PDB file of all heavy atoms in Angstrom:
ATOM      1  N   GLU A   1      -3.007  -8.951 -23.462  1.00  0.00           N
ATOM      2  CA  GLU A   1      -3.563  -9.798 -24.479  1.00  0.00           C
ATOM      3  C   GLU A   1      -2.608 -11.021 -24.667  1.00  0.00           C
ATOM      4  O   GLU A   1      -2.926 -12.226 -24.837  1.00  0.00           O
ATOM      5  CB  GLU A   1      -3.912  -9.090 -25.736  1.00  0.00           C
ATOM      6  CG  GLU A   1      -5.187  -8.225 -25.502  1.00  0.00           C
ATOM      7  CD  GLU A   1      -5.591  -7.310 -26.637  1.00  0.00           C
ATOM      8  OE1 GLU A   1      -4.553  -7.149 -27.517  1.00  0.00           O
ATOM      9  OE2 GLU A   1      -6.596  -6.886 -26.659  1.00  0.00           O
ATOM     10  N   HIS A   2      -1.294 -10.719 -24.984  1.00  0.00           N
ATOM     11  CA  HIS A   2      -0.278 -11.660 -25.240  1.00  0.00           C
ATOM     12  C   HIS A   2      -0.266 -12.678 -24.057  1.00  0.00           C
ATOM     13  O   HIS A   2      -0.229 -13.973 -24.353  1.00  0.00           O
ATOM     14  CB  HIS A   2       1.032 -11.018 -25.458  1.00  0.00           C
ATOM     15  CG  HIS A   2       2.138 -11.993 -25.776  1.00  0.00           C
ATOM     16  ND1 HIS A   2       3.020 -12.478 -24.824  1.00  0.00           N
ATOM     17  CD2 HIS A   2       2.491 -12.597 -26.960  1.00  0.00           C
ATOM     18  CE1 HIS A   2       3.842 -13.292 -25.374  1.00  0.00           C
ATOM     19  NE2 HIS A   2       3.533 -13.436 -26.650  1.00  0.00           N
ATOM     20  N   LEU A   3      -0.209 -12.251 -22.869  1.00  0.00           N
ATOM     21  CA  LEU A   3      -0.088 -13.012 -21.610  1.00  0.00           C
ATOM     22  C   LEU A   3      -1.314 -14.080 -21.707  1.00  0.00           C
ATOM     23  O   LEU A   3      -1.092 -15.187 -21.472  1.00  0.00           O
ATOM     24  CB  LEU A   3      -0.083 -12.216 -20.407  1.00  0.00           C
ATOM     25  CG  LEU A   3       0.012 -12.898 -19.055  1.00  0.00           C
ATOM     26  CD1 LEU A   3       0.385 -11.816 -18.021  1.00  0.00           C
ATOM     27  CD2 LEU A   3      -1.097 -13.662 -18.617  1.00  0.00           C
ATOM     28  N   ILE A   4      -2.491 -13.595 -21.882  1.00  0.00           N
ATOM     29  CA  ILE A   4      -3.630 -14.383 -21.774  1.00  0.00           C
ATOM     30  C   ILE A   4      -3.652 -15.409 -22.836  1.00  0.00           C
ATOM     31  O   ILE A   4      -3.996 -16.572 -22.587  1.00  0.00           O
ATOM     32  CB  ILE A   4      -4.980 -13.548 -21.769  1.00  0.00           C
ATOM     33  CG1 ILE A   4      -5.075 -12.778 -20.513  1.00  0.00           C
ATOM     34  CG2 ILE A   4      -6.201 -14.392 -21.959  1.00  0.00           C
ATOM     35  CD1 ILE A   4      -6.033 -11.665 -20.514  1.00  0.00           C
ATOM     36  N   LEU A   5      -3.272 -15.046 -24.034  1.00  0.00           N
ATOM     37  CA  LEU A   5      -3.311 -15.912 -25.133  1.00  0.00           C
ATOM     38  C   LEU A   5      -2.112 -17.023 -25.115  1.00  0.00           C
ATOM     39  O   LEU A   5      -2.262 -18.260 -25.527  1.00  0.00           O
ATOM     40  CB  LEU A   5      -3.228 -15.232 -26.513  1.00  0.00           C
ATOM     41  CG  LEU A   5      -4.444 -14.430 -26.807  1.00  0.00           C
ATOM     42  CD1 LEU A   5      -4.366 -13.552 -28.107  1.00  0.00           C
ATOM     43  CD2 LEU A   5      -5.588 -15.304 -27.002  1.00  0.00           C
ATOM     44  N   THR A   6      -1.000 -16.500 -24.557  1.00  0.00           N
ATOM     45  CA  THR A   6       0.210 -17.467 -24.643  1.00  0.00           C
ATOM     46  C   THR A   6       0.331 -18.321 -23.383  1.00  0.00           C
ATOM     47  O   THR A   6       0.725 -19.419 -23.425  1.00  0.00           O
ATOM     48  CB  THR A   6       1.505 -16.460 -24.659  1.00  0.00           C
ATOM     49  OG1 THR A   6       1.418 -15.650 -25.786  1.00  0.00           O
ATOM     50  CG2 THR A   6       2.750 -17.422 -24.761  1.00  0.00           C
ATOM     51  N   HIS A   7      -0.265 -17.775 -22.345  1.00  0.00           N
ATOM     52  CA  HIS A   7      -0.182 -18.595 -21.016  1.00  0.00           C
ATOM     53  C   HIS A   7      -1.562 -18.734 -20.394  1.00  0.00           C
ATOM     54  O   HIS A   7      -1.859 -18.201 -19.275  1.00  0.00           O
ATOM     55  CB  HIS A   7       0.728 -17.924 -20.036  1.00  0.00           C
ATOM     56  CG  HIS A   7       2.118 -17.662 -20.594  1.00  0.00           C
ATOM     57  ND1 HIS A   7       3.023 -18.779 -20.650  1.00  0.00           N
ATOM     58  CD2 HIS A   7       2.716 -16.612 -21.086  1.00  0.00           C
ATOM     59  CE1 HIS A   7       4.100 -18.185 -21.108  1.00  0.00           C
ATOM     60  NE2 HIS A   7       3.987 -16.863 -21.383  1.00  0.00           N
ATOM     61  N   PRO A   8      -2.541 -19.392 -21.134  1.00  0.00           N
ATOM     62  CA  PRO A   8      -3.959 -19.416 -20.503  1.00  0.00           C
ATOM     63  C   PRO A   8      -4.038 -20.178 -19.306  1.00  0.00           C
ATOM     64  O   PRO A   8      -4.972 -20.091 -18.448  1.00  0.00           O
ATOM     65  CB  PRO A   8      -4.663 -20.061 -21.599  1.00  0.00           C
ATOM     66  CG  PRO A   8      -3.569 -20.890 -22.511  1.00  0.00           C
ATOM     67  CD  PRO A   8      -2.404 -20.016 -22.349  1.00  0.00           C
ATOM     68  N   GLU A   9      -3.046 -21.099 -19.038  1.00  0.00           N
ATOM     69  CA  GLU A   9      -3.113 -21.914 -17.817  1.00  0.00           C
ATOM     70  C   GLU A   9      -2.405 -21.239 -16.510  1.00  0.00           C
ATOM     71  O   GLU A   9      -2.534 -21.749 -15.500  1.00  0.00           O
ATOM     72  CB  GLU A   9      -2.329 -23.246 -18.067  1.00  0.00           C
ATOM     73  CG  GLU A   9      -0.813 -23.085 -18.097  1.00  0.00           C
ATOM     74  CD  GLU A   9      -0.255 -22.346 -19.296  1.00  0.00           C
ATOM     75  OE1 GLU A   9      -0.913 -22.081 -20.358  1.00  0.00           O
ATOM     76  OE2 GLU A   9       0.870 -21.975 -19.089  1.00  0.00           O
ATOM     77  N   SER A  10      -1.833 -20.027 -16.756  1.00  0.00           N
ATOM     78  CA  SER A  10      -1.118 -19.377 -15.714  1.00  0.00           C
ATOM     79  C   SER A  10      -2.092 -18.833 -14.539  1.00  0.00           C
ATOM     80  O   SER A  10      -3.186 -18.449 -14.863  1.00  0.00           O
ATOM     81  CB  SER A  10      -0.409 -18.180 -16.175  1.00  0.00           C
ATOM     82  OG  SER A  10       0.167 -17.405 -15.161  1.00  0.00           O
ATOM     83  N   ALA A  11      -1.477 -18.932 -13.345  1.00  0.00           N
ATOM     84  CA  ALA A  11      -2.335 -18.472 -12.244  1.00  0.00           C
ATOM     85  C   ALA A  11      -2.498 -16.995 -12.243  1.00  0.00           C
ATOM     86  O   ALA A  11      -3.391 -16.601 -11.405  1.00  0.00           O
ATOM     87  CB  ALA A  11      -1.573 -18.920 -10.944  1.00  0.00           C
ATOM     88  N   VAL A  12      -1.796 -16.257 -12.972  1.00  0.00           N
ATOM     89  CA  VAL A  12      -2.008 -14.863 -13.045  1.00  0.00           C
ATOM     90  C   VAL A  12      -3.041 -14.299 -14.097  1.00  0.00           C
ATOM     91  O   VAL A  12      -3.322 -13.167 -14.223  1.00  0.00           O
ATOM     92  CB  VAL A  12      -0.507 -14.026 -13.314  1.00  0.00           C
ATOM     93  CG1 VAL A  12       0.453 -14.249 -12.142  1.00  0.00           C
ATOM     94  CG2 VAL A  12      -0.109 -14.302 -14.691  1.00  0.00           C
ATOM     95  N   VAL A  13      -3.654 -15.339 -14.794  1.00  0.00           N
ATOM     96  CA  VAL A  13      -4.576 -14.890 -15.897  1.00  0.00           C
ATOM     97  C   VAL A  13      -5.759 -14.166 -15.304  1.00  0.00           C
ATOM     98  O   VAL A  13      -6.138 -13.230 -15.804  1.00  0.00           O
ATOM     99  CB  VAL A  13      -4.922 -16.099 -16.748  1.00  0.00           C
ATOM    100  CG1 VAL A  13      -6.290 -15.907 -17.539  1.00  0.00           C
ATOM    101  CG2 VAL A  13      -3.794 -16.513 -17.614  1.00  0.00           C
ATOM    102  N   PRO A  14      -6.359 -14.575 -14.022  1.00  0.00           N
ATOM    103  CA  PRO A  14      -7.365 -13.727 -13.505  1.00  0.00           C
ATOM    104  C   PRO A  14      -7.078 -12.295 -13.339  1.00  0.00           C
ATOM    105  O   PRO A  14      -7.804 -11.339 -13.604  1.00  0.00           O
ATOM    106  CB  PRO A  14      -7.818 -14.444 -12.262  1.00  0.00           C
ATOM    107  CG  PRO A  14      -7.328 -15.835 -12.492  1.00  0.00           C
ATOM    108  CD  PRO A  14      -6.049 -15.779 -13.315  1.00  0.00           C
ATOM    109  N   GLN A  15      -5.858 -11.963 -12.826  1.00  0.00           N
ATOM    110  CA  GLN A  15      -5.322 -10.671 -12.693  1.00  0.00           C
ATOM    111  C   GLN A  15      -5.197  -9.930 -13.957  1.00  0.00           C
ATOM    112  O   GLN A  15      -5.559  -8.810 -14.061  1.00  0.00           O
ATOM    113  CB  GLN A  15      -4.061 -10.671 -11.891  1.00  0.00           C
ATOM    114  CG  GLN A  15      -4.060 -11.153 -10.441  1.00  0.00           C
ATOM    115  CD  GLN A  15      -2.671 -11.296  -9.840  1.00  0.00           C
ATOM    116  OE1 GLN A  15      -2.141 -12.304 -10.170  1.00  0.00           O
ATOM    117  NE2 GLN A  15      -2.314 -10.293  -9.087  1.00  0.00           N
ATOM    118  N   ALA A  16      -4.746 -10.702 -15.043  1.00  0.00           N
ATOM    119  CA  ALA A  16      -4.596 -10.191 -16.257  1.00  0.00           C
ATOM    120  C   ALA A  16      -5.865  -9.788 -16.897  1.00  0.00           C
ATOM    121  O   ALA A  16      -6.073  -8.713 -17.514  1.00  0.00           O
ATOM    122  CB  ALA A  16      -3.765 -11.161 -17.183  1.00  0.00           C
ATOM    123  N   ARG A  17      -6.890 -10.590 -16.649  1.00  0.00           N
ATOM    124  CA  ARG A  17      -8.296 -10.244 -17.158  1.00  0.00           C
ATOM    125  C   ARG A  17      -8.825  -9.021 -16.514  1.00  0.00           C
ATOM    126  O   ARG A  17      -9.502  -8.225 -17.138  1.00  0.00           O
ATOM    127  CB  ARG A  17      -9.170 -11.469 -17.011  1.00  0.00           C
ATOM    128  CG  ARG A  17      -8.859 -12.597 -17.945  1.00  0.00           C
ATOM    129  CD  ARG A  17      -9.937 -13.763 -17.896  1.00  0.00           C
ATOM    130  NE  ARG A  17      -9.580 -14.894 -18.551  1.00  0.00           N
ATOM    131  CZ  ARG A  17      -9.487 -15.008 -19.807  1.00  0.00           C
ATOM    132  NH1 ARG A  17      -9.865 -14.060 -20.589  1.00  0.00           N
ATOM    133  NH2 ARG A  17      -9.129 -16.157 -20.387  1.00  0.00           N
ATOM    134  N   ARG A  18      -8.653  -8.863 -15.225  1.00  0.00           N
ATOM    135  CA  ARG A  18      -9.039  -7.705 -14.534  1.00  0.00           C
ATOM    136  C   ARG A  18      -8.377  -6.415 -15.061  1.00  0.00           C
ATOM    137  O   ARG A  18      -9.065  -5.432 -15.344  1.00  0.00           O
ATOM    138  CB  ARG A  18      -8.754  -7.778 -13.001  1.00  0.00           C
ATOM    139  CG  ARG A  18      -9.826  -8.596 -12.391  1.00  0.00           C
ATOM    140  CD  ARG A  18      -9.779  -8.508 -10.784  1.00  0.00           C
ATOM    141  NE  ARG A  18      -8.564  -8.928 -10.254  1.00  0.00           N
ATOM    142  CZ  ARG A  18      -8.296 -10.301  -9.933  1.00  0.00           C
ATOM    143  NH1 ARG A  18      -9.166 -11.076 -10.201  1.00  0.00           N
ATOM    144  NH2 ARG A  18      -7.118 -10.666  -9.392  1.00  0.00           N
ATOM    145  N   LEU A  19      -7.049  -6.495 -15.284  1.00  0.00           N
ATOM    146  CA  LEU A  19      -6.280  -5.425 -15.869  1.00  0.00           C
ATOM    147  C   LEU A  19      -6.851  -5.154 -17.400  1.00  0.00           C
ATOM    148  O   LEU A  19      -6.998  -3.974 -17.783  1.00  0.00           O
ATOM    149  CB  LEU A  19      -4.736  -5.698 -15.909  1.00  0.00           C
ATOM    150  CG  LEU A  19      -3.861  -4.601 -16.543  1.00  0.00           C
ATOM    151  CD1 LEU A  19      -4.147  -3.243 -15.946  1.00  0.00           C
ATOM    152  CD2 LEU A  19      -2.401  -5.108 -16.372  1.00  0.00           C
ATOM    153  N   LEU A  20      -7.117  -6.254 -18.077  1.00  0.00           N
ATOM    154  CA  LEU A  20      -7.590  -6.076 -19.429  1.00  0.00           C
ATOM    155  C   LEU A  20      -8.908  -5.396 -19.454  1.00  0.00           C
ATOM    156  O   LEU A  20      -9.098  -4.400 -20.249  1.00  0.00           O
ATOM    157  CB  LEU A  20      -7.780  -7.455 -20.167  1.00  0.00           C
ATOM    158  CG  LEU A  20      -8.302  -7.510 -21.516  1.00  0.00           C
ATOM    159  CD1 LEU A  20      -7.338  -6.840 -22.455  1.00  0.00           C
ATOM    160  CD2 LEU A  20      -8.493  -8.944 -22.018  1.00  0.00           C
ATOM    161  N   ASP A  21      -9.840  -5.682 -18.509  1.00  0.00           N
ATOM    162  CA  ASP A  21     -11.166  -5.056 -18.361  1.00  0.00           C
ATOM    163  C   ASP A  21     -10.991  -3.547 -18.121  1.00  0.00           C
ATOM    164  O   ASP A  21     -11.541  -2.609 -18.622  1.00  0.00           O
ATOM    165  CB  ASP A  21     -12.005  -5.726 -17.461  1.00  0.00           C
ATOM    166  CG  ASP A  21     -12.561  -7.094 -17.874  1.00  0.00           C
ATOM    167  OD1 ASP A  21     -12.511  -7.313 -19.083  1.00  0.00           O
ATOM    168  OD2 ASP A  21     -12.985  -7.839 -16.917  1.00  0.00           O
ATOM    169  N   ARG A  22      -9.990  -3.219 -17.094  1.00  0.00           N
ATOM    170  CA  ARG A  22      -9.756  -1.977 -16.726  1.00  0.00           C
ATOM    171  C   ARG A  22      -9.179  -1.050 -17.882  1.00  0.00           C
ATOM    172  O   ARG A  22      -9.608  -0.015 -18.107  1.00  0.00           O
ATOM    173  CB  ARG A  22      -8.767  -1.806 -15.523  1.00  0.00           C
ATOM    174  CG  ARG A  22      -8.779  -0.578 -14.788  1.00  0.00           C
ATOM    175  CD  ARG A  22      -8.140  -0.614 -13.514  1.00  0.00           C
ATOM    176  NE  ARG A  22      -6.601  -0.981 -13.635  1.00  0.00           N
ATOM    177  CZ  ARG A  22      -6.225  -2.091 -12.967  1.00  0.00           C
ATOM    178  NH1 ARG A  22      -6.837  -2.803 -12.178  1.00  0.00           N
ATOM    179  NH2 ARG A  22      -4.714  -2.295 -13.059  1.00  0.00           N
ATOM    180  N   LEU A  23      -8.317  -1.651 -18.688  1.00  0.00           N
ATOM    181  CA  LEU A  23      -7.705  -1.017 -19.863  1.00  0.00           C
ATOM    182  C   LEU A  23      -8.815  -0.690 -21.005  1.00  0.00           C
ATOM    183  O   LEU A  23      -8.602   0.309 -21.585  1.00  0.00           O
ATOM    184  CB  LEU A  23      -6.514  -1.827 -20.398  1.00  0.00           C
ATOM    185  CG  LEU A  23      -5.220  -1.881 -19.580  1.00  0.00           C
ATOM    186  CD1 LEU A  23      -4.367  -3.050 -20.050  1.00  0.00           C
ATOM    187  CD2 LEU A  23      -4.543  -0.556 -19.525  1.00  0.00           C
ATOM    188  N   ARG A  24      -9.722  -1.643 -21.051  1.00  0.00           N
ATOM    189  CA  ARG A  24     -10.746  -1.463 -22.027  1.00  0.00           C
ATOM    190  C   ARG A  24     -11.904  -0.544 -21.524  1.00  0.00           C
ATOM    191  O   ARG A  24     -12.834  -0.178 -22.248  1.00  0.00           O
ATOM    192  CB  ARG A  24     -11.368  -2.807 -22.411  1.00  0.00           C
ATOM    193  CG  ARG A  24     -10.394  -3.636 -23.188  1.00  0.00           C
ATOM    194  CD  ARG A  24     -11.115  -4.969 -23.565  1.00  0.00           C
ATOM    195  NE  ARG A  24     -10.197  -5.775 -24.437  1.00  0.00           N
ATOM    196  CZ  ARG A  24     -10.500  -6.986 -24.720  1.00  0.00           C
ATOM    197  NH1 ARG A  24     -11.447  -7.623 -24.039  1.00  0.00           N
ATOM    198  NH2 ARG A  24      -9.738  -7.631 -25.569  1.00  0.00           N
ATOM    199  N   GLY A  25     -11.719  -0.118 -20.183  1.00  0.00           N
ATOM    200  CA  GLY A  25     -12.816   0.695 -19.700  1.00  0.00           C
ATOM    201  C   GLY A  25     -14.086   0.223 -19.234  1.00  0.00           C
ATOM    202  O   GLY A  25     -15.021   0.874 -18.995  1.00  0.00           O
TER     203      GLY A  25
END
């Protein structure tokens, strides 16, 4: 969550969103 909010322009955000979805089940 910190990554997505702090670095929304980063190229790793799509991977972070997938991990976020997995963590949320």
